[in-house]
Amino acid sequence: MAFLLSHSVMDSPSAQRTALVLHGALGSGQNFRSFVRRLQQERPDYRFVLVDLRAHGSSSGALPPHTLSAAAADLGPLIESLGTALPVDVVIGHSLGGKTTLEYARQHPASLRQLWILDSNPGAQPPHAGLEILQVIDAVRGVAMPAATRQDVVTALLAKGLSSGTANWMTTNLKRVGDRYEWIFELDSIAELVTDYFQQDLWDFLAEPRTEPVLEFVVADASDRIDADMRQRLQALPAASQCHVHVLPNSGHWVHVDNPDGLLSMMTAGLYRG
């Protein structure tokens, strides 16, 4: 059987179209459930599909290579499986999910109406020890598994230098196996995917003239992923690229957590209406 991304559907009786929601590295589709529930109340014209990217959540067993291109290509069979009654017009992606969204649009030009890229660096960058995701991957590798309790995992991650917030958030990636806990994700595959994510440069794609999809970039005003030069470069893209930049105030990288009200207002007004 071909690999198909695990996902959950948040349906609406009045839905006319579908939006996929893609999480960041070491997350899962469930990360956005609370925010999307609020968004659907404002925009009941959408069915939202919360996706677990390859090697994340319940999307296990994808064959290598674990690359950005492969992660984007995974969306094709998922979209096909969802049918055409409620077409997938929009993909919303945060961080790794945002760049995956762009790569899917590059592979399938004009197949979507709109992309929402939430605080995601579209360019290449050299990996270095100061990058948070690499620090988290390194810390996770050092946690002995299986663990007796969730608190044991938190304690081990704190000892590796992670913040309390990050350590506790990582426990959302645990599953109970008998009387012990194990990671639900495939860490080695994610590490490969993150390495390729840093290598890919999609700036030339962004600058291409297009009618659709329209690209809605949300940049957190206190982002540590998109610096001032990158923001300026985004804002300087030609009008024909259909790339719009929105700065979300009072927010760091975790836009749906730091300023959910601001993001909700922005997306309620701006989400594609047909």
C-alpha atoms as a PDB file:
ATOM      1  CA  MET A   1       0.000   0.000   0.000  1.00  0.00           C
ATOM      2  CA  ALA A   2       1.320   3.445  -0.942  1.00  0.00           C
ATOM      3  CA  PHE A   3       2.305   5.775   1.860  1.00  0.00           C
ATOM      4  CA  LEU A   4      -0.413   8.286   2.760  1.00  0.00           C
ATOM      5  CA  LEU A   5      -0.011  11.087   5.267  1.00  0.00           C
ATOM      6  CA  SER A   6      -1.937  10.703   8.482  1.00  0.00           C
ATOM      7  CA  HIS A   7      -4.461  13.486   8.968  1.00  0.00           C
ATOM      8  CA  SER A   8      -7.574  14.527  10.816  1.00  0.00           C
ATOM      9  CA  VAL A   9     -10.504  16.385   9.306  1.00  0.00           C
ATOM     10  CA  MET A  10     -12.353  19.292  10.911  1.00  0.00           C
ATOM     11  CA  ASP A  11     -15.507  19.463   8.832  1.00  0.00           C
ATOM     12  CA  SER A  12     -18.273  22.033   8.591  1.00  0.00           C
ATOM     13  CA  PRO A  13     -21.834  21.549   7.258  1.00  0.00           C
ATOM     14  CA  SER A  14     -21.471  24.679   5.149  1.00  0.00           C
ATOM     15  CA  ALA A  15     -17.952  23.954   3.858  1.00  0.00           C
ATOM     16  CA  GLN A  16     -17.373  24.763   0.189  1.00  0.00           C
ATOM     17  CA  ARG A  17     -13.632  24.107  -0.032  1.00  0.00           C
ATOM     18  CA  THR A  18     -10.701  22.616   1.847  1.00  0.00           C
ATOM     19  CA  ALA A  19      -7.547  23.976   3.472  1.00  0.00           C
ATOM     20  CA  LEU A  20      -4.636  21.767   4.483  1.00  0.00           C
ATOM     21  CA  VAL A  21      -2.771  22.799   7.639  1.00  0.00           C
ATOM     22  CA  LEU A  22       0.913  21.804   7.933  1.00  0.00           C
ATOM     23  CA  HIS A  23       2.887  21.985  11.183  1.00  0.00           C
ATOM     24  CA  GLY A  24       6.565  22.671  11.823  1.00  0.00           C
ATOM     25  CA  ALA A  25       9.459  20.322  12.574  1.00  0.00           C
ATOM     26  CA  LEU A  26       8.960  17.940  15.515  1.00  0.00           C
ATOM     27  CA  GLY A  27       5.285  18.888  15.701  1.00  0.00           C
ATOM     28  CA  SER A  28       2.084  17.299  14.443  1.00  0.00           C
ATOM     29  CA  GLY A  29      -1.226  18.335  12.984  1.00  0.00           C
ATOM     30  CA  GLN A  30      -2.716  18.490  16.451  1.00  0.00           C
ATOM     31  CA  ASN A  31      -0.572  21.540  17.253  1.00  0.00           C
ATOM     32  CA  PHE A  32      -3.039  23.712  15.329  1.00  0.00           C
ATOM     33  CA  ARG A  33      -6.299  22.107  16.451  1.00  0.00           C
ATOM     34  CA  SER A  34      -7.309  24.800  18.961  1.00  0.00           C
ATOM     35  CA  PHE A  35      -6.461  27.649  16.600  1.00  0.00           C
ATOM     36  CA  VAL A  36      -8.165  26.023  13.614  1.00  0.00           C
ATOM     37  CA  ARG A  37     -11.291  25.345  15.672  1.00  0.00           C
ATOM     38  CA  ARG A  38     -11.566  29.109  16.239  1.00  0.00           C
ATOM     39  CA  LEU A  39     -10.789  29.868  12.589  1.00  0.00           C
ATOM     40  CA  GLN A  40     -13.492  27.480  11.434  1.00  0.00           C
ATOM     41  CA  GLN A  41     -16.040  29.241  13.628  1.00  0.00           C
ATOM     42  CA  GLU A  42     -15.225  32.438  11.729  1.00  0.00           C
ATOM     43  CA  ARG A  43     -14.893  30.740   8.335  1.00  0.00           C
ATOM     44  CA  PRO A  44     -17.354  27.812   8.252  1.00  0.00           C
ATOM     45  CA  ASP A  45     -17.011  27.797   4.460  1.00  0.00           C
ATOM     46  CA  TYR A  46     -13.868  25.687   4.989  1.00  0.00           C
ATOM     47  CA  ARG A  47     -13.134  22.085   5.784  1.00  0.00           C
ATOM     48  CA  PHE A  48      -9.729  22.018   7.486  1.00  0.00           C
ATOM     49  CA  VAL A  49      -7.411  19.013   7.260  1.00  0.00           C
ATOM     50  CA  LEU A  50      -4.705  18.814   9.924  1.00  0.00           C
ATOM     51  CA  VAL A  51      -1.791  16.924   8.412  1.00  0.00           C
ATOM     52  CA  ASP A  52       1.064  14.994  10.026  1.00  0.00           C
ATOM     53  CA  LEU A  53       4.080  15.489   7.743  1.00  0.00           C
ATOM     54  CA  ARG A  54       6.224  12.447   6.969  1.00  0.00           C
ATOM     55  CA  ALA A  55       8.002  10.987  10.022  1.00  0.00           C
ATOM     56  CA  HIS A  56       5.860  13.174  12.312  1.00  0.00           C
ATOM     57  CA  GLY A  57       2.850  12.218  14.394  1.00  0.00           C
ATOM     58  CA  SER A  58       1.194   9.139  12.933  1.00  0.00           C
ATOM     59  CA  SER A  59       2.726   9.543   9.442  1.00  0.00           C
ATOM     60  CA  SER A  60       5.294   6.789   9.835  1.00  0.00           C
ATOM     61  CA  GLY A  61       6.830   4.485   7.263  1.00  0.00           C
ATOM     62  CA  ALA A  62       7.596   6.889   4.413  1.00  0.00           C
ATOM     63  CA  LEU A  63      10.465   5.685   2.253  1.00  0.00           C
ATOM     64  CA  PRO A  64      13.622   7.787   1.901  1.00  0.00           C
ATOM     65  CA  PRO A  65      14.895  10.160   0.750  1.00  0.00           C
ATOM     66  CA  HIS A  66      13.509  12.398   3.464  1.00  0.00           C
ATOM     67  CA  THR A  67      13.660  15.721   1.666  1.00  0.00           C
ATOM     68  CA  LEU A  68      11.567  18.840   1.303  1.00  0.00           C
ATOM     69  CA  SER A  69      10.661  17.705  -2.206  1.00  0.00           C
ATOM     70  CA  ALA A  70       9.482  14.326  -0.915  1.00  0.00           C
ATOM     71  CA  ALA A  71       7.483  15.937   1.904  1.00  0.00           C
ATOM     72  CA  ALA A  72       5.746  18.175  -0.630  1.00  0.00           C
ATOM     73  CA  ALA A  73       5.131  15.269  -3.021  1.00  0.00           C
ATOM     74  CA  ASP A  74       3.389  13.412  -0.169  1.00  0.00           C
ATOM     75  CA  LEU A  75       0.605  15.992  -0.348  1.00  0.00           C
ATOM     76  CA  GLY A  76      -0.455  14.883  -3.830  1.00  0.00           C
ATOM     77  CA  PRO A  77      -1.899  11.483  -2.856  1.00  0.00           C
ATOM     78  CA  LEU A  78      -3.491  13.025   0.225  1.00  0.00           C
ATOM     79  CA  ILE A  79      -5.230  15.701  -1.840  1.00  0.00           C
ATOM     80  CA  GLU A  80      -6.386  13.052  -4.310  1.00  0.00           C
ATOM     81  CA  SER A  81      -7.796  10.945  -1.466  1.00  0.00           C
ATOM     82  CA  LEU A  82      -9.852  13.903  -0.210  1.00  0.00           C
ATOM     83  CA  GLY A  83     -11.813  14.013  -3.461  1.00  0.00           C
ATOM     84  CA  THR A  84     -13.038  16.907  -5.555  1.00  0.00           C
ATOM     85  CA  ALA A  85     -16.351  17.726  -3.876  1.00  0.00           C
ATOM     86  CA  LEU A  86     -14.602  20.193  -1.557  1.00  0.00           C
ATOM     87  CA  PRO A  87     -11.490  21.154  -3.552  1.00  0.00           C
ATOM     88  CA  VAL A  88      -8.207  21.866  -1.799  1.00  0.00           C
ATOM     89  CA  ASP A  89      -7.858  25.556  -2.601  1.00  0.00           C
ATOM     90  CA  VAL A  90      -5.564  26.595   0.254  1.00  0.00           C
ATOM     91  CA  VAL A  91      -2.549  25.231   2.103  1.00  0.00           C
ATOM     92  CA  ILE A  92      -1.478  26.791   5.401  1.00  0.00           C
ATOM     93  CA  GLY A  93       1.991  25.946   6.665  1.00  0.00           C
ATOM     94  CA  HIS A  94       4.063  26.959   9.689  1.00  0.00           C
ATOM     95  CA  SER A  95       7.874  26.909   9.617  1.00  0.00           C
ATOM     96  CA  LEU A  96       8.886  23.583   7.986  1.00  0.00           C
ATOM     97  CA  GLY A  97       5.257  23.264   6.907  1.00  0.00           C
ATOM     98  CA  GLY A  98       5.429  26.686   5.279  1.00  0.00           C
ATOM     99  CA  LYS A  99       8.401  25.782   3.128  1.00  0.00           C
ATOM    100  CA  THR A 100       6.786  22.434   2.295  1.00  0.00           C
ATOM    101  CA  THR A 101       3.747  24.408   1.146  1.00  0.00           C
ATOM    102  CA  LEU A 102       5.908  26.523  -1.163  1.00  0.00           C
ATOM    103  CA  GLU A 103       7.647  23.457  -2.575  1.00  0.00           C
ATOM    104  CA  TYR A 104       4.302  21.804  -3.304  1.00  0.00           C
ATOM    105  CA  ALA A 105       3.190  24.943  -5.164  1.00  0.00           C
ATOM    106  CA  ARG A 106       6.474  24.901  -7.103  1.00  0.00           C
ATOM    107  CA  GLN A 107       5.834  21.285  -8.112  1.00  0.00           C
ATOM    108  CA  HIS A 108       2.181  21.947  -8.977  1.00  0.00           C
ATOM    109  CA  PRO A 109       1.895  25.512 -10.300  1.00  0.00           C
ATOM    110  CA  ALA A 110      -1.620  26.995 -10.315  1.00  0.00           C
ATOM    111  CA  SER A 111      -3.118  23.946  -8.576  1.00  0.00           C
ATOM    112  CA  LEU A 112      -3.974  26.045  -5.510  1.00  0.00           C
ATOM    113  CA  ARG A 113      -5.693  29.367  -5.000  1.00  0.00           C
ATOM    114  CA  GLN A 114      -3.777  30.602  -1.978  1.00  0.00           C
ATOM    115  CA  LEU A 115      -0.900  29.751   0.348  1.00  0.00           C
ATOM    116  CA  TRP A 116      -0.428  30.974   3.893  1.00  0.00           C
ATOM    117  CA  ILE A 117       3.238  30.746   4.951  1.00  0.00           C
ATOM    118  CA  LEU A 118       3.535  31.329   8.684  1.00  0.00           C
ATOM    119  CA  ASP A 119       6.947  32.582   9.814  1.00  0.00           C
ATOM    120  CA  SER A 120       8.943  30.340   7.489  1.00  0.00           C
ATOM    121  CA  ASN A 121      12.324  31.164   5.967  1.00  0.00           C
ATOM    122  CA  PRO A 122      12.051  30.430   2.216  1.00  0.00           C
ATOM    123  CA  GLY A 123      15.788  30.486   1.598  1.00  0.00           C
ATOM    124  CA  ALA A 124      18.819  28.325   2.260  1.00  0.00           C
ATOM    125  CA  GLN A 125      20.790  28.781   5.449  1.00  0.00           C
ATOM    126  CA  PRO A 126      23.859  27.077   6.858  1.00  0.00           C
ATOM    127  CA  PRO A 127      22.957  24.899   9.838  1.00  0.00           C
ATOM    128  CA  HIS A 128      24.745  25.866  13.022  1.00  0.00           C
ATOM    129  CA  ALA A 129      24.629  24.846  16.655  1.00  0.00           C
ATOM    130  CA  GLY A 130      22.621  27.929  17.640  1.00  0.00           C
ATOM    131  CA  LEU A 131      19.548  26.904  15.647  1.00  0.00           C
ATOM    132  CA  GLU A 132      16.766  25.886  18.004  1.00  0.00           C
ATOM    133  CA  ILE A 133      15.536  22.916  15.977  1.00  0.00           C
ATOM    134  CA  LEU A 134      19.015  21.369  15.894  1.00  0.00           C
ATOM    135  CA  GLN A 135      19.354  21.892  19.644  1.00  0.00           C
ATOM    136  CA  VAL A 136      16.031  20.134  20.200  1.00  0.00           C
ATOM    137  CA  ILE A 137      16.946  17.217  17.926  1.00  0.00           C
ATOM    138  CA  ASP A 138      20.241  16.813  19.777  1.00  0.00           C
ATOM    139  CA  ALA A 139      18.468  16.931  23.147  1.00  0.00           C
ATOM    140  CA  VAL A 140      15.879  14.361  22.076  1.00  0.00           C
ATOM    141  CA  ARG A 141      18.631  11.985  20.968  1.00  0.00           C
ATOM    142  CA  GLY A 142      19.963  12.079  24.523  1.00  0.00           C
ATOM    143  CA  VAL A 143      16.716  10.985  26.189  1.00  0.00           C
ATOM    144  CA  ALA A 144      16.715   7.326  27.179  1.00  0.00           C
ATOM    145  CA  MET A 145      13.695   5.508  25.787  1.00  0.00           C
ATOM    146  CA  PRO A 146      11.313   4.053  26.740  1.00  0.00           C
ATOM    147  CA  ALA A 147      10.639   6.428  29.630  1.00  0.00           C
ATOM    148  CA  ALA A 148       8.721   5.596  32.792  1.00  0.00           C
ATOM    149  CA  THR A 149       6.815   8.896  32.932  1.00  0.00           C
ATOM    150  CA  ARG A 150       6.265  12.069  30.949  1.00  0.00           C
ATOM    151  CA  GLN A 151       7.968  13.994  33.727  1.00  0.00           C
ATOM    152  CA  ASP A 152      11.099  11.877  33.275  1.00  0.00           C
ATOM    153  CA  VAL A 153      11.225  13.071  29.664  1.00  0.00           C
ATOM    154  CA  VAL A 154      10.771  16.702  30.709  1.00  0.00           C
ATOM    155  CA  THR A 155      13.510  16.378  33.315  1.00  0.00           C
ATOM    156  CA  ALA A 156      15.903  14.830  30.788  1.00  0.00           C
ATOM    157  CA  LEU A 157      15.219  17.562  28.219  1.00  0.00           C
ATOM    158  CA  LEU A 158      15.698  20.301  30.806  1.00  0.00           C
ATOM    159  CA  ALA A 159      19.040  18.734  31.689  1.00  0.00           C
ATOM    160  CA  LYS A 160      19.978  19.014  28.009  1.00  0.00           C
ATOM    161  CA  GLY A 161      19.363  22.762  28.127  1.00  0.00           C
ATOM    162  CA  LEU A 162      15.884  23.090  26.659  1.00  0.00           C
ATOM    163  CA  SER A 163      13.455  25.618  28.080  1.00  0.00           C
ATOM    164  CA  SER A 164      10.576  24.454  30.249  1.00  0.00           C
ATOM    165  CA  GLY A 165       8.077  25.430  27.573  1.00  0.00           C
ATOM    166  CA  THR A 166       9.872  23.465  24.846  1.00  0.00           C
ATOM    167  CA  ALA A 167      10.483  20.457  27.096  1.00  0.00           C
ATOM    168  CA  ASN A 168       6.829  20.245  28.082  1.00  0.00           C
ATOM    169  CA  TRP A 169       5.665  20.796  24.497  1.00  0.00           C
ATOM    170  CA  MET A 170       7.807  17.874  23.358  1.00  0.00           C
ATOM    171  CA  THR A 171       5.775  15.519  25.559  1.00  0.00           C
ATOM    172  CA  THR A 172       2.907  15.943  23.080  1.00  0.00           C
ATOM    173  CA  ASN A 173       5.034  13.662  20.877  1.00  0.00           C
ATOM    174  CA  LEU A 174       4.932  10.770  23.340  1.00  0.00           C
ATOM    175  CA  LYS A 175       2.840   7.639  23.032  1.00  0.00           C
ATOM    176  CA  ARG A 176       2.164   5.080  25.729  1.00  0.00           C
ATOM    177  CA  VAL A 177       3.396   1.567  24.972  1.00  0.00           C
ATOM    178  CA  GLY A 178       2.452  -0.750  27.812  1.00  0.00           C
ATOM    179  CA  ASP A 179       3.494   1.016  30.984  1.00  0.00           C
ATOM    180  CA  ARG A 180       6.168   3.130  29.278  1.00  0.00           C
ATOM    181  CA  TYR A 181       6.419   6.106  26.912  1.00  0.00           C
ATOM    182  CA  GLU A 182       8.120   6.323  23.532  1.00  0.00           C
ATOM    183  CA  TRP A 183       8.464   9.001  20.875  1.00  0.00           C
ATOM    184  CA  ILE A 184       5.767   8.865  18.227  1.00  0.00           C
ATOM    185  CA  PHE A 185       7.979  10.435  15.553  1.00  0.00           C
ATOM    186  CA  GLU A 186      10.894   9.015  13.530  1.00  0.00           C
ATOM    187  CA  LEU A 187      13.784  11.182  14.688  1.00  0.00           C
ATOM    188  CA  ASP A 188      16.456  10.101  12.192  1.00  0.00           C
ATOM    189  CA  SER A 189      14.101  10.740   9.274  1.00  0.00           C
ATOM    190  CA  ILE A 190      13.163  14.147  10.669  1.00  0.00           C
ATOM    191  CA  ALA A 191      16.842  15.037  11.049  1.00  0.00           C
ATOM    192  CA  GLU A 192      17.374  14.226   7.347  1.00  0.00           C
ATOM    193  CA  LEU A 193      14.335  16.291   6.402  1.00  0.00           C
ATOM    194  CA  VAL A 194      15.491  19.274   8.460  1.00  0.00           C
ATOM    195  CA  THR A 195      18.971  19.093   6.903  1.00  0.00           C
ATOM    196  CA  ASP A 196      17.456  19.271   3.425  1.00  0.00           C
ATOM    197  CA  TYR A 197      15.068  22.024   4.533  1.00  0.00           C
ATOM    198  CA  PHE A 198      18.062  24.210   5.373  1.00  0.00           C
ATOM    199  CA  GLN A 199      19.649  23.518   1.983  1.00  0.00           C
ATOM    200  CA  GLN A 200      16.711  24.443  -0.235  1.00  0.00           C
ATOM    201  CA  ASP A 201      16.411  27.957  -1.647  1.00  0.00           C
ATOM    202  CA  LEU A 202      12.979  28.973  -2.980  1.00  0.00           C
ATOM    203  CA  TRP A 203      13.588  32.703  -3.457  1.00  0.00           C
ATOM    204  CA  ASP A 204      13.675  32.412  -7.258  1.00  0.00           C
ATOM    205  CA  PHE A 205      10.341  30.590  -7.188  1.00  0.00           C
ATOM    206  CA  LEU A 206       8.823  33.339  -5.031  1.00  0.00           C
ATOM    207  CA  ALA A 207       9.864  36.016  -7.512  1.00  0.00           C
ATOM    208  CA  GLU A 208       8.231  34.309 -10.507  1.00  0.00           C
ATOM    209  CA  PRO A 209       5.173  36.043 -11.994  1.00  0.00           C
ATOM    210  CA  ARG A 210       1.917  34.185 -11.321  1.00  0.00           C
ATOM    211  CA  THR A 211      -1.809  34.642 -11.199  1.00  0.00           C
ATOM    212  CA  GLU A 212      -2.329  31.890  -8.631  1.00  0.00           C
ATOM    213  CA  PRO A 213      -1.673  30.850  -6.013  1.00  0.00           C
ATOM    214  CA  VAL A 214      -1.541  34.094  -4.075  1.00  0.00           C
ATOM    215  CA  LEU A 215       1.186  33.896  -1.414  1.00  0.00           C
ATOM    216  CA  GLU A 216       0.346  35.305   1.997  1.00  0.00           C
ATOM    217  CA  PHE A 217       3.490  35.544   4.160  1.00  0.00           C
ATOM    218  CA  VAL A 218       2.947  36.093   7.884  1.00  0.00           C
ATOM    219  CA  VAL A 219       6.097  37.354   9.605  1.00  0.00           C
ATOM    220  CA  ALA A 220       6.183  37.569  13.393  1.00  0.00           C
ATOM    221  CA  ASP A 221       7.461  40.960  14.488  1.00  0.00           C
ATOM    222  CA  ALA A 222       9.824  39.302  16.986  1.00  0.00           C
ATOM    223  CA  SER A 223      10.695  36.366  14.737  1.00  0.00           C
ATOM    224  CA  ASP A 224      14.075  34.725  15.137  1.00  0.00           C
ATOM    225  CA  ARG A 225      13.552  32.893  11.831  1.00  0.00           C
ATOM    226  CA  ILE A 226      13.030  35.857   9.493  1.00  0.00           C
ATOM    227  CA  ASP A 227      15.407  38.760  10.106  1.00  0.00           C
ATOM    228  CA  ALA A 228      15.028  42.351   8.927  1.00  0.00           C
ATOM    229  CA  ASP A 229      16.927  41.734   5.684  1.00  0.00           C
ATOM    230  CA  MET A 230      14.724  38.774   4.786  1.00  0.00           C
ATOM    231  CA  ARG A 231      11.596  40.750   5.605  1.00  0.00           C
ATOM    232  CA  GLN A 232      12.772  43.547   3.347  1.00  0.00           C
ATOM    233  CA  ARG A 233      13.514  41.040   0.593  1.00  0.00           C
ATOM    234  CA  LEU A 234      10.013  39.595   0.890  1.00  0.00           C
ATOM    235  CA  GLN A 235       8.466  43.048   0.756  1.00  0.00           C
ATOM    236  CA  ALA A 236      10.563  43.901  -2.326  1.00  0.00           C
ATOM    237  CA  LEU A 237       9.328  40.956  -4.397  1.00  0.00           C
ATOM    238  CA  PRO A 238       7.700  42.133  -7.655  1.00  0.00           C
ATOM    239  CA  ALA A 239       3.958  42.731  -7.605  1.00  0.00           C
ATOM    240  CA  ALA A 240       3.510  40.069 -10.303  1.00  0.00           C
ATOM    241  CA  SER A 241       4.728  37.440  -7.823  1.00  0.00           C
ATOM    242  CA  GLN A 242       1.429  37.833  -5.919  1.00  0.00           C
ATOM    243  CA  CYS A 243       3.404  37.729  -2.666  1.00  0.00           C
ATOM    244  CA  HIS A 244       1.866  39.714   0.198  1.00  0.00           C
ATOM    245  CA  VAL A 245       3.644  40.249   3.514  1.00  0.00           C
ATOM    246  CA  HIS A 246       1.768  40.601   6.809  1.00  0.00           C
ATOM    247  CA  VAL A 247       3.626  41.472  10.002  1.00  0.00           C
ATOM    248  CA  LEU A 248       2.044  39.945  13.099  1.00  0.00           C
ATOM    249  CA  PRO A 249       2.650  42.137  16.170  1.00  0.00           C
ATOM    250  CA  ASN A 250       3.409  40.855  19.662  1.00  0.00           C
ATOM    251  CA  SER A 251       4.572  37.494  18.396  1.00  0.00           C
ATOM    252  CA  GLY A 252       7.614  35.310  18.136  1.00  0.00           C
ATOM    253  CA  HIS A 253       7.935  32.285  15.869  1.00  0.00           C
ATOM    254  CA  TRP A 254       5.006  30.412  17.426  1.00  0.00           C
ATOM    255  CA  VAL A 255       2.442  32.719  15.840  1.00  0.00           C
ATOM    256  CA  HIS A 256      -0.645  30.645  16.673  1.00  0.00           C
ATOM    257  CA  VAL A 257       0.384  30.566  20.346  1.00  0.00           C
ATOM    258  CA  ASP A 258       1.976  33.990  20.850  1.00  0.00           C
ATOM    259  CA  ASN A 259      -0.761  36.068  19.202  1.00  0.00           C
ATOM    260  CA  PRO A 260      -3.636  33.778  18.203  1.00  0.00           C
ATOM    261  CA  ASP A 261      -6.152  36.628  18.233  1.00  0.00           C
ATOM    262  CA  GLY A 262      -4.094  38.698  15.810  1.00  0.00           C
ATOM    263  CA  LEU A 263      -3.485  35.747  13.521  1.00  0.00           C
ATOM    264  CA  LEU A 264      -7.153  34.784  13.669  1.00  0.00           C
ATOM    265  CA  SER A 265      -8.245  38.269  12.650  1.00  0.00           C
ATOM    266  CA  MET A 266      -5.715  38.325   9.805  1.00  0.00           C
ATOM    267  CA  MET A 267      -6.694  34.948   8.419  1.00  0.00           C
ATOM    268  CA  THR A 268     -10.442  35.362   8.910  1.00  0.00           C
ATOM    269  CA  ALA A 269     -10.338  38.437   6.704  1.00  0.00           C
ATOM    270  CA  GLY A 270      -7.768  37.189   4.205  1.00  0.00           C
ATOM    271  CA  LEU A 271      -8.572  33.515   3.671  1.00  0.00           C
ATOM    272  CA  TYR A 272      -9.579  32.853   0.066  1.00  0.00           C
ATOM    273  CA  ARG A 273     -13.311  33.329  -0.584  1.00  0.00           C
ATOM    274  CA  GLY A 274     -13.694  32.142  -4.157  1.00  0.00           C
END
